[in-house]
Every structure is written in C-alpha cells, then in structure tokens.
Amino acid sequence: MVKAISTQEALAYAFAAFRIRKGYQKHTQRYSEDKPTEHSNKEMLKMHFGTYKDQDFVDFTPIEEDYESVSIARNHFKRYSMLLLGDDLNKFQRDVYQAVSKDDVPMNVIGLVAYVPALVEREVSEAKFKKLLRIEYRDSKHIGSPKEVVEGVIKFLQKFYSEQWESYNYIADLDGNIVSFMNKFEYTIGDLKRLKGKVKGHQKNRAFDVNETRLNYVKMYKV
C-alpha cells in the first residue's frame, strides 16, 4: 500500500470522484448486475491509491477541470491560516487543513481528502449566501403571526438536505423578506414557485443576523 501521496494528486482525484459521483457519496451503493456499483468517494480514492481493488471497481482519471478545482480549493484554504490565529476553526476544519497543507498526505487521512470538494463547495456557497443576506436582505421583516396563513411567490436562495428528516431545508425570498421551511421535494436555487403555508415562528437567520420567518405545512404550486 502506498504510504504517502502527493497532496496535489490526492486532491485532483478527490475532485474527480466528486465530479463523477455528482457530489459527495458517503456510502458505497451496490446494485444488481444491470447497474454497476457506485463506490463512495472515499473508497474510490482508497482503491485508486491503495493495493486493494473491488472486482467491480472502475479506475478513473482527473481531467483539467479537476486540477482547476484543486487551485480554487488551495486558495480557499489560505484563509484558514488566519482563522487558526483567531481560533475560529472547528476540529474537523483543523484536521482537513493539517492534511492538505503539506506536500504529501498519508493514506490514513485519505478519507478527509475525499471530503474536501464538498467542504469547499459548502463554505464558498455559505460565504456567498452570507454576503447576499448582508447586502440584499438587511431590511427583511418578520411575516404574520404564528399559525397565520402565508401565500405568495418565492425565489429559492439556499438549500441543504437533512438526512435526519429526509427533507430539504430551504431559505427563500418572499416579497423581499426571508422565509425558511422543510420540503421533501428538491427545487433548484433561483427557481420561482407559488407557496402556501403557515407561520411557525420568527427567528434570525443562522448565516447572518437578518429577520427570518419559519413556515410549516408548506405546499408549492407553479407560478
């Protein structure tokens, strides 16, 4: 087994796996003979760089796009050095930074490297979203009262999937105000939908201190 791998190459393969899997796949999914096994991102890297290979493992190669993504990721991690001074990184971020800031990475941290594309994508997205809230939604107002029915056209601004609730958590614009809610169906950021729901409560957005109205019993319709 390879004991250490060039960090540049490890990251390039991590982004290649992320591209092939269309995101970060935590667990390997095995199907019937009609559909090939989808190995997790971590397993893809382990089997490429290591000696063990599943009989159904298909090796892969980074493309130019993946190496460009590595450059973006390394620029992103430059800000970590400043955040370290302020003790603003959590343990996971510190572990990732320690792994990718050296010329080579050992095989025992290849799982961390496999997650780097998802981490960078999420943090870049969160930074952009925070800036959007700060600039465009400073004057966001709370809508209605608890249990009051709310209707209108929304624009999706952000989403993330909750495995615990098996639903998407959405943040959206409703008449210039921030609303949030859960929904089992996936919608595209930027899409417009007509919404009907009830006010669950009033709160502040987690990304930036603006007023947010939490909704439940939400139904979506075409505009």
Protein backbone atom coordinates (compact mmCIF):
# COMPACT_ATOMS: atom_id res chain seq x y z
CA MET A 1 0.00 0.00 0.00
CA VAL A 2 1.20 3.48 -0.82
CA LYS A 3 2.14 5.21 2.44
CA ALA A 4 2.05 8.80 1.20
CA ILE A 5 0.59 10.51 -1.83
CA SER A 6 1.24 13.86 -3.45
CA THR A 7 -1.34 16.24 -1.99
CA GLN A 8 -1.86 17.78 -5.43
CA GLU A 9 -2.69 14.38 -6.93
CA ALA A 10 -4.82 13.28 -3.98
CA LEU A 11 -6.91 16.46 -4.26
CA ALA A 12 -7.21 16.10 -8.04
CA TYR A 13 -8.59 12.58 -7.60
CA ALA A 14 -10.89 13.81 -4.83
CA PHE A 15 -12.38 16.38 -7.21
CA ALA A 16 -12.58 13.77 -9.97
CA ALA A 17 -14.56 11.46 -7.68
CA PHE A 18 -16.77 14.40 -6.67
CA ARG A 19 -17.44 15.15 -10.34
CA ILE A 20 -18.14 11.53 -11.24
CA ARG A 21 -20.46 10.99 -8.26
CA LYS A 22 -22.07 14.41 -8.82
CA GLY A 23 -21.33 15.28 -5.21
CA TYR A 24 -20.12 13.53 -2.08
CA GLN A 25 -21.42 10.00 -1.67
CA LYS A 26 -20.77 8.80 1.86
CA HIS A 27 -21.61 5.11 1.41
CA THR A 28 -20.93 2.62 -1.36
CA GLN A 29 -24.12 1.52 -3.10
CA ARG A 30 -24.19 -1.96 -4.61
CA TYR A 31 -26.78 -2.81 -7.23
CA SER A 32 -27.67 -5.78 -9.41
CA GLU A 33 -25.69 -6.80 -12.48
CA ASP A 34 -27.75 -4.40 -14.59
CA LYS A 35 -26.43 -1.39 -12.67
CA PRO A 36 -22.77 -1.07 -11.63
CA THR A 37 -21.68 -0.48 -8.05
CA GLU A 38 -21.30 3.17 -7.05
CA HIS A 39 -18.36 3.29 -4.67
CA SER A 40 -18.25 6.09 -2.12
CA ASN A 41 -15.84 8.95 -2.78
CA LYS A 42 -13.57 7.72 0.00
CA GLU A 43 -13.49 4.17 -1.35
CA MET A 44 -12.77 5.44 -4.86
CA LEU A 45 -9.64 7.19 -3.59
CA LYS A 46 -8.60 4.30 -1.36
CA MET A 47 -8.86 1.78 -4.20
CA HIS A 48 -7.09 4.01 -6.71
CA PHE A 49 -4.11 4.76 -4.47
CA GLY A 50 -4.10 1.54 -2.45
CA THR A 51 -3.46 -2.09 -3.35
CA TYR A 52 -6.92 -3.50 -2.70
CA LYS A 53 -9.46 -3.24 -5.52
CA ASP A 54 -13.04 -4.49 -5.61
CA GLN A 55 -13.64 -6.69 -8.62
CA ASP A 56 -16.25 -4.18 -9.77
CA PHE A 57 -14.11 -1.09 -9.18
CA VAL A 58 -13.61 1.05 -12.28
CA ASP A 59 -10.49 3.20 -12.05
CA PHE A 60 -10.71 6.86 -13.04
CA THR A 61 -8.51 9.81 -14.00
CA PRO A 62 -8.73 13.55 -13.23
CA ILE A 63 -9.34 15.98 -16.05
CA GLU A 64 -8.24 19.61 -16.45
CA GLU A 65 -11.39 20.82 -14.66
CA ASP A 66 -10.40 18.81 -11.57
CA TYR A 67 -6.94 20.36 -11.40
CA GLU A 68 -8.51 23.81 -11.74
CA SER A 69 -10.74 22.93 -8.78
CA VAL A 70 -7.64 22.00 -6.78
CA SER A 71 -6.25 25.51 -7.34
CA ILE A 72 -9.52 27.04 -6.17
CA ALA A 73 -9.52 24.81 -3.08
CA ARG A 74 -5.95 25.68 -2.15
CA ASN A 75 -6.74 29.39 -2.46
CA HIS A 76 -9.76 28.81 -0.26
CA PHE A 77 -7.63 27.15 2.41
CA LYS A 78 -5.25 30.12 2.56
CA ARG A 79 -7.84 31.90 4.69
CA TYR A 80 -7.65 29.03 7.18
CA SER A 81 -4.21 30.17 8.32
CA MET A 82 -5.72 33.46 9.52
CA LEU A 83 -8.71 31.72 11.09
CA LEU A 84 -6.32 29.47 13.01
CA LEU A 85 -4.84 32.52 14.71
CA GLY A 86 -8.29 33.56 15.91
CA ASP A 87 -9.22 30.02 16.96
CA ASP A 88 -12.15 30.20 14.54
CA LEU A 89 -11.81 26.72 13.04
CA ASN A 90 -13.55 23.65 14.41
CA LYS A 91 -11.65 20.38 14.90
CA PHE A 92 -12.72 18.94 11.56
CA GLN A 93 -11.57 22.04 9.68
CA ARG A 94 -8.25 21.93 11.54
CA ASP A 95 -7.78 18.25 10.64
CA VAL A 96 -8.51 18.95 6.97
CA TYR A 97 -6.18 21.93 6.89
CA GLN A 98 -3.39 19.93 8.52
CA ALA A 99 -3.88 17.17 5.94
CA VAL A 100 -3.86 19.35 2.80
CA SER A 101 -1.27 21.96 3.84
CA LYS A 102 1.64 19.53 3.41
CA ASP A 103 3.27 18.30 0.19
CA ASP A 104 2.16 14.72 0.80
CA VAL A 105 -0.74 13.09 2.58
CA PRO A 106 -0.65 9.66 4.26
CA MET A 107 -3.20 7.03 3.27
CA ASN A 108 -4.78 7.09 6.73
CA VAL A 109 -6.22 10.56 6.08
CA ILE A 110 -7.38 9.94 2.51
CA GLY A 111 -10.97 9.97 3.79
CA LEU A 112 -10.53 13.61 4.84
CA VAL A 113 -9.12 14.48 1.43
CA ALA A 114 -12.10 12.82 -0.28
CA TYR A 115 -14.42 15.20 1.56
CA VAL A 116 -12.50 18.38 0.62
CA PRO A 117 -14.55 19.15 -2.54
CA ALA A 118 -17.81 19.02 -0.58
CA LEU A 119 -16.33 21.14 2.22
CA VAL A 120 -15.03 23.81 -0.16
CA GLU A 121 -18.27 23.90 -2.15
CA ARG A 122 -20.31 24.32 1.02
CA GLU A 123 -18.07 27.00 2.54
CA VAL A 124 -17.87 29.01 -0.69
CA SER A 125 -21.64 28.77 -1.07
CA GLU A 126 -22.17 29.86 2.55
CA ALA A 127 -19.84 32.84 2.12
CA LYS A 128 -21.73 33.97 -0.99
CA PHE A 129 -25.06 33.47 0.75
CA LYS A 130 -23.94 35.44 3.80
CA LYS A 131 -22.87 38.30 1.52
CA LEU A 132 -26.24 38.14 -0.26
CA LEU A 133 -28.10 38.44 3.05
CA ARG A 134 -25.87 41.26 4.23
CA ILE A 135 -26.34 43.31 1.07
CA GLU A 136 -29.85 42.45 -0.16
CA TYR A 137 -31.83 41.43 2.92
CA ARG A 138 -30.78 43.71 5.77
CA ASP A 139 -34.35 45.05 5.87
CA SER A 140 -36.02 41.63 5.88
CA LYS A 141 -39.12 41.71 8.09
CA HIS A 142 -40.94 39.00 10.00
CA ILE A 143 -44.16 37.96 8.31
CA GLY A 144 -47.52 37.42 10.01
CA SER A 145 -48.21 35.77 13.36
CA PRO A 146 -47.88 32.12 14.45
CA LYS A 147 -50.38 29.85 12.65
CA GLU A 148 -51.31 32.63 10.22
CA VAL A 149 -51.60 31.52 6.58
CA VAL A 150 -48.96 32.95 4.23
CA GLU A 151 -49.20 32.94 0.44
CA GLY A 152 -47.05 34.37 -2.33
CA VAL A 153 -44.36 33.76 -4.93
CA ILE A 154 -40.98 32.77 -3.55
CA LYS A 155 -37.49 32.59 -5.01
CA PHE A 156 -35.26 29.82 -3.68
CA LEU A 157 -32.00 31.19 -2.26
CA GLN A 158 -30.37 28.27 -0.44
CA LYS A 159 -30.99 24.61 0.36
CA PHE A 160 -29.44 21.69 2.16
CA TYR A 161 -30.60 18.12 2.63
CA SER A 162 -31.31 16.78 6.11
CA GLU A 163 -30.78 13.03 6.37
CA GLN A 164 -32.43 13.09 9.79
CA TRP A 165 -35.70 14.45 8.40
CA GLU A 166 -35.24 13.08 4.86
CA SER A 167 -36.20 16.52 3.56
CA TYR A 168 -34.65 19.67 2.15
CA ASN A 169 -34.37 22.78 4.26
CA TYR A 170 -34.97 25.84 2.09
CA ILE A 171 -34.36 29.53 2.55
CA ALA A 172 -36.27 31.76 0.16
CA ASP A 173 -37.26 35.31 -0.70
CA LEU A 174 -40.92 36.21 -0.22
CA ASP A 175 -41.64 39.82 -1.18
CA GLY A 176 -38.12 40.84 -0.14
CA ASN A 177 -38.32 39.01 3.20
CA ILE A 178 -36.54 35.82 4.26
CA VAL A 179 -38.59 32.68 4.90
CA SER A 180 -37.46 29.12 5.62
CA PHE A 181 -39.18 25.72 5.59
CA MET A 182 -38.72 21.98 5.06
CA ASN A 183 -39.91 20.12 1.97
CA LYS A 184 -39.33 16.59 0.70
CA PHE A 185 -39.08 17.68 -2.93
CA GLU A 186 -35.92 19.14 -4.46
CA TYR A 187 -36.08 22.52 -6.16
CA THR A 188 -33.38 24.49 -7.94
CA ILE A 189 -31.83 27.61 -6.43
CA GLY A 190 -33.18 30.63 -8.29
CA ASP A 191 -36.47 28.94 -9.24
CA LEU A 192 -39.79 30.69 -8.61
CA LYS A 193 -42.77 28.88 -7.04
CA ARG A 194 -46.08 29.89 -5.57
CA LEU A 195 -46.16 28.97 -1.88
CA LYS A 196 -48.89 28.49 0.69
CA GLY A 197 -48.05 27.71 4.30
CA LYS A 198 -48.44 28.71 7.93
CA VAL A 199 -46.17 30.77 10.15
CA LYS A 200 -44.38 28.52 12.63
CA GLY A 201 -42.32 31.25 14.28
CA HIS A 202 -39.94 34.18 13.94
CA GLN A 203 -36.16 33.91 14.22
CA LYS A 204 -32.84 35.19 12.95
CA ASN A 205 -31.06 33.56 10.03
CA ARG A 206 -28.09 31.43 11.10
CA ALA A 207 -25.75 32.74 8.39
CA PHE A 208 -26.35 36.43 9.07
CA ASP A 209 -28.36 38.43 11.57
CA VAL A 210 -31.47 39.19 9.49
CA ASN A 211 -35.12 38.52 10.28
CA GLU A 212 -36.42 35.15 9.10
CA THR A 213 -39.92 33.67 9.24
CA ARG A 214 -40.12 29.91 9.73
CA LEU A 215 -43.00 28.23 7.90
CA ASN A 216 -44.64 24.82 8.09
CA TYR A 217 -47.48 22.98 6.32
CA VAL A 218 -45.98 24.32 3.11
CA LYS A 219 -47.43 23.48 -0.29
CA MET A 220 -45.88 24.51 -3.60
CA TYR A 221 -47.53 25.38 -6.89
CA LYS A 222 -46.48 26.57 -10.33
CA VAL A 223 -46.24 30.31 -10.78
